[in-house]
Amino acid sequence: MRRAIVASLAAAILLVATAPGWADPTAGKKTFEANKCQDCHYTNGPAKERTIADQLAKKGPELWYAGSKFQKAWLAKWLQDPKPIRPLKYNSLTDKNPGDHPKLAAGDADTVTEYLMTLTVKEVKAGVIKPRKNPKGRLIFMKKMPCSGCHQFPGTKFTGGMAGPSLVDAGERLNPDWIFAYLQNTKLFKPVRMMPIFEGLLSETDMKSVAQYVATFK
């Protein structure tokens, strides 16, 4: 009887492990390290930057909160065919992004995605923000802050600044709840940054309005 139960459990585990769409985060971590992704992206938080020199020494963005930041489907697809997110090269205000991020095969992209999705932070609360074309959020984004000075965004045609990451596909790329948490506590995620601190400038309701608006970007 006991052997039968153990055999059934083993069969069930094998069935799950070989099912389409299943990927092992442990294998993903090994793939991440084998491809030397950690040379450009660190995955153990909290944030390590304390000075401008620290920031300038980085070769790519940190990923210690990747599971809270990105949408899983987008991440798996992007790792297979990475398109530039930043118009300009990382830590540059003049050089165009060369678009030379390494590609991963589909299977490797799936396992690495599973690994990165385990990297979450408690400050990002689930289910807080629902995408909505919020007129107040649009006004703050476009005029009151204005976020459009540093970030490209979708409109009649893509427009906006180039100093920060593009927000053109933010609704597909970013977790809406992360957008809100980032506006609330920017210093937690990026102690050294160009991004303004909105605490004291925007109310929580205002931040939610902006997050709702940005989460509609396609």
Protein backbone atom coordinates (compact mmCIF):
# COMPACT_ATOMS: atom_id res chain seq x y z
CA MET A 1 0.00 0.00 0.00
CA ARG A 2 2.75 2.39 1.00
CA ARG A 3 4.74 1.60 -2.14
CA ALA A 4 1.67 2.22 -4.25
CA ILE A 5 1.14 5.64 -2.69
CA VAL A 6 4.79 6.60 -3.18
CA ALA A 7 4.67 5.41 -6.78
CA SER A 8 1.51 7.42 -7.41
CA LEU A 9 3.06 10.56 -5.94
CA ALA A 10 6.21 10.08 -8.04
CA ALA A 11 4.11 9.65 -11.16
CA ALA A 12 2.12 12.78 -10.36
CA ILE A 13 5.29 14.82 -9.83
CA LEU A 14 6.72 13.52 -13.11
CA LEU A 15 3.49 14.37 -14.91
CA VAL A 16 3.59 17.95 -13.63
CA ALA A 17 7.29 18.34 -14.35
CA THR A 18 6.87 17.24 -17.97
CA ALA A 19 3.63 19.09 -18.65
CA PRO A 20 3.71 21.84 -21.29
CA GLY A 21 4.38 25.25 -19.79
CA TRP A 22 5.96 23.88 -16.61
CA ALA A 23 9.43 25.12 -15.83
CA ASP A 24 11.78 24.66 -12.90
CA PRO A 25 13.02 27.84 -11.17
CA THR A 26 16.04 25.95 -9.81
CA ALA A 27 17.05 25.04 -13.35
CA GLY A 28 16.36 28.63 -14.33
CA LYS A 29 18.79 29.92 -11.73
CA LYS A 30 21.46 27.56 -13.06
CA THR A 31 20.80 28.78 -16.60
CA PHE A 32 20.92 32.39 -15.42
CA GLU A 33 24.32 31.80 -13.82
CA ALA A 34 25.66 29.66 -16.69
CA ASN A 35 24.91 32.50 -19.11
CA LYS A 36 26.66 34.94 -16.74
CA CYS A 37 23.55 37.11 -16.49
CA GLN A 38 24.70 38.04 -12.98
CA ASP A 39 27.63 39.94 -14.50
CA CYS A 40 25.16 42.68 -15.47
CA HIS A 41 22.16 42.05 -13.20
CA TYR A 42 22.24 41.34 -9.48
CA THR A 43 19.40 39.33 -7.97
CA ASN A 44 20.00 39.51 -4.21
CA GLY A 45 18.39 42.53 -2.58
CA PRO A 46 18.04 45.00 -1.13
CA ALA A 47 19.49 47.68 -3.39
CA LYS A 48 23.29 47.87 -3.30
CA GLU A 49 23.84 51.35 -4.77
CA ARG A 50 24.77 54.03 -2.27
CA THR A 51 26.63 56.54 -4.44
CA ILE A 52 26.58 57.83 -8.01
CA ALA A 53 29.79 55.87 -8.57
CA ASP A 54 27.95 52.69 -7.58
CA GLN A 55 25.22 53.44 -10.08
CA LEU A 56 27.65 54.23 -12.89
CA ALA A 57 29.52 50.98 -12.24
CA LYS A 58 26.42 48.92 -12.99
CA LYS A 59 26.15 47.31 -16.43
CA GLY A 60 22.42 46.68 -16.30
CA PRO A 61 19.33 47.05 -14.11
CA GLU A 62 18.94 45.13 -10.87
CA LEU A 63 16.59 42.14 -10.80
CA TRP A 64 16.17 41.45 -7.10
CA TYR A 65 12.49 42.39 -7.34
CA ALA A 66 11.90 41.08 -10.88
CA GLY A 67 9.01 38.83 -9.87
CA SER A 68 7.14 41.78 -8.41
CA LYS A 69 7.97 44.08 -11.32
CA PHE A 70 7.40 42.13 -14.53
CA GLN A 71 4.46 40.30 -16.05
CA LYS A 72 5.41 36.67 -16.53
CA ALA A 73 4.15 36.21 -20.10
CA TRP A 74 5.96 39.32 -21.29
CA LEU A 75 9.22 38.33 -19.59
CA ALA A 76 9.32 34.83 -21.11
CA LYS A 77 8.70 36.27 -24.57
CA TRP A 78 11.21 39.10 -24.16
CA LEU A 79 14.03 36.79 -23.07
CA GLN A 80 13.67 34.94 -26.37
CA ASP A 81 13.66 38.10 -28.47
CA PRO A 82 14.88 41.05 -26.38
CA LYS A 83 14.00 44.46 -27.78
CA PRO A 84 15.54 47.61 -26.25
CA ILE A 85 13.52 48.96 -23.33
CA ARG A 86 15.71 52.01 -22.94
CA PRO A 87 16.17 54.22 -26.02
CA LEU A 88 19.68 55.04 -24.80
CA LYS A 89 22.48 52.77 -23.63
CA TYR A 90 22.41 51.98 -19.91
CA ASN A 91 23.95 54.84 -17.89
CA SER A 92 24.32 57.03 -20.97
CA LEU A 93 22.54 60.20 -22.06
CA THR A 94 24.06 60.27 -25.54
CA ASP A 95 24.68 56.76 -26.91
CA LYS A 96 21.86 54.85 -28.55
CA ASN A 97 20.96 51.48 -27.05
CA PRO A 98 22.72 48.93 -29.28
CA GLY A 99 20.01 46.32 -28.71
CA ASP A 100 22.58 43.59 -28.11
CA HIS A 101 21.04 41.82 -25.12
CA PRO A 102 21.65 38.04 -25.45
CA LYS A 103 18.76 35.83 -26.53
CA LEU A 104 17.69 32.62 -24.81
CA ALA A 105 16.17 29.54 -26.37
CA ALA A 106 12.50 29.00 -25.55
CA GLY A 107 13.12 26.34 -22.90
CA ASP A 108 15.84 28.36 -21.19
CA ALA A 109 13.68 31.48 -21.32
CA ASP A 110 10.87 29.62 -19.57
CA THR A 111 13.06 28.33 -16.74
CA VAL A 112 14.84 31.66 -16.26
CA THR A 113 11.45 33.38 -16.16
CA GLU A 114 10.31 30.96 -13.46
CA TYR A 115 13.42 31.77 -11.46
CA LEU A 116 13.07 35.54 -11.84
CA MET A 117 9.41 35.38 -10.87
CA THR A 118 10.45 34.01 -7.47
CA LEU A 119 12.29 37.27 -6.75
CA THR A 120 9.55 39.27 -5.05
CA VAL A 121 9.28 41.94 -2.36
CA LYS A 122 6.62 42.35 0.30
CA GLU A 123 6.21 46.06 -0.45
CA VAL A 124 4.35 45.23 -3.68
CA LYS A 125 0.81 44.31 -2.63
CA ALA A 126 -1.23 42.25 -5.08
CA GLY A 127 -4.55 43.41 -6.46
CA VAL A 128 -4.27 47.10 -5.58
CA ILE A 129 -4.14 48.61 -9.08
CA LYS A 130 -6.40 47.84 -12.04
CA PRO A 131 -5.49 49.41 -15.42
CA ARG A 132 -7.80 52.32 -16.20
CA LYS A 133 -7.61 55.29 -18.54
CA ASN A 134 -7.66 57.65 -15.58
CA PRO A 135 -7.97 61.31 -16.71
CA LYS A 136 -6.36 62.57 -13.50
CA GLY A 137 -3.48 60.13 -13.92
CA ARG A 138 -3.00 61.32 -17.49
CA LEU A 139 -2.93 64.97 -16.38
CA ILE A 140 -0.30 64.27 -13.72
CA PHE A 141 1.78 62.14 -16.10
CA MET A 142 1.64 64.60 -18.98
CA LYS A 143 1.72 67.99 -17.26
CA LYS A 144 1.94 68.17 -13.49
CA MET A 145 5.15 66.20 -12.95
CA PRO A 146 5.72 65.64 -15.99
CA CYS A 147 6.79 62.01 -16.43
CA SER A 148 6.76 62.44 -20.21
CA GLY A 149 9.96 64.48 -19.95
CA CYS A 150 12.01 61.32 -19.35
CA HIS A 151 9.85 58.45 -20.62
CA GLN A 152 8.54 57.62 -24.07
CA PHE A 153 4.87 56.69 -24.04
CA PRO A 154 2.18 55.75 -26.58
CA GLY A 155 0.01 58.46 -28.06
CA THR A 156 -0.89 59.41 -31.61
CA LYS A 157 2.70 58.33 -32.15
CA PHE A 158 5.40 57.44 -29.65
CA THR A 159 6.62 60.56 -27.93
CA GLY A 160 8.35 61.70 -24.74
CA GLY A 161 11.85 61.86 -23.34
CA MET A 162 14.68 59.38 -23.73
CA ALA A 163 16.53 59.62 -20.39
CA GLY A 164 14.50 56.84 -18.74
CA PRO A 165 13.11 53.48 -19.83
CA SER A 166 10.37 53.55 -22.44
CA LEU A 167 6.84 53.08 -21.10
CA VAL A 168 5.36 52.31 -24.51
CA ASP A 169 4.42 48.74 -23.56
CA ALA A 170 4.23 49.26 -19.80
CA GLY A 171 0.75 47.72 -19.62
CA GLU A 172 2.12 44.44 -20.95
CA ARG A 173 5.53 44.57 -19.32
CA LEU A 174 5.00 45.89 -15.80
CA ASN A 175 2.90 44.61 -12.92
CA PRO A 176 0.43 47.46 -12.20
CA ASP A 177 0.89 46.95 -8.46
CA TRP A 178 4.64 47.42 -8.86
CA ILE A 179 4.12 50.74 -10.65
CA PHE A 180 2.16 52.01 -7.65
CA ALA A 181 4.66 50.63 -5.11
CA TYR A 182 7.53 52.20 -7.06
CA LEU A 183 5.88 55.61 -7.00
CA GLN A 184 5.20 55.23 -3.28
CA ASN A 185 8.72 54.16 -2.29
CA THR A 186 11.14 54.93 -5.10
CA LYS A 187 14.12 55.05 -2.74
CA LEU A 188 13.59 51.42 -1.74
CA PHE A 189 13.99 50.21 -5.30
CA LYS A 190 16.52 52.81 -6.47
CA PRO A 191 18.45 54.67 -3.76
CA VAL A 192 20.53 56.42 -6.46
CA ARG A 193 18.33 57.59 -9.31
CA MET A 194 17.21 60.26 -11.73
CA MET A 195 13.59 59.45 -10.85
CA PRO A 196 11.98 62.09 -8.59
CA ILE A 197 10.66 61.26 -5.14
CA PHE A 198 6.90 61.69 -5.26
CA GLU A 199 6.25 61.25 -1.55
CA GLY A 200 5.02 64.63 -0.32
CA LEU A 201 4.26 65.78 -3.88
CA LEU A 202 1.53 63.32 -4.77
CA SER A 203 -1.13 61.85 -2.53
CA GLU A 204 -1.70 58.11 -2.44
CA THR A 205 -4.80 58.64 -4.57
CA ASP A 206 -2.75 60.60 -7.12
CA MET A 207 -0.14 57.84 -7.27
CA LYS A 208 -2.85 55.25 -7.82
CA SER A 209 -4.26 57.38 -10.63
CA VAL A 210 -0.87 57.55 -12.36
CA ALA A 211 -0.30 53.80 -11.89
CA GLN A 212 -3.74 53.02 -13.35
CA TYR A 213 -3.01 55.23 -16.34
CA VAL A 214 0.49 53.87 -17.06
CA ALA A 215 -0.84 50.32 -16.75
CA THR A 216 -2.99 50.94 -19.86
CA PHE A 217 0.01 51.65 -22.09
CA LYS A 218 0.33 49.21 -24.99
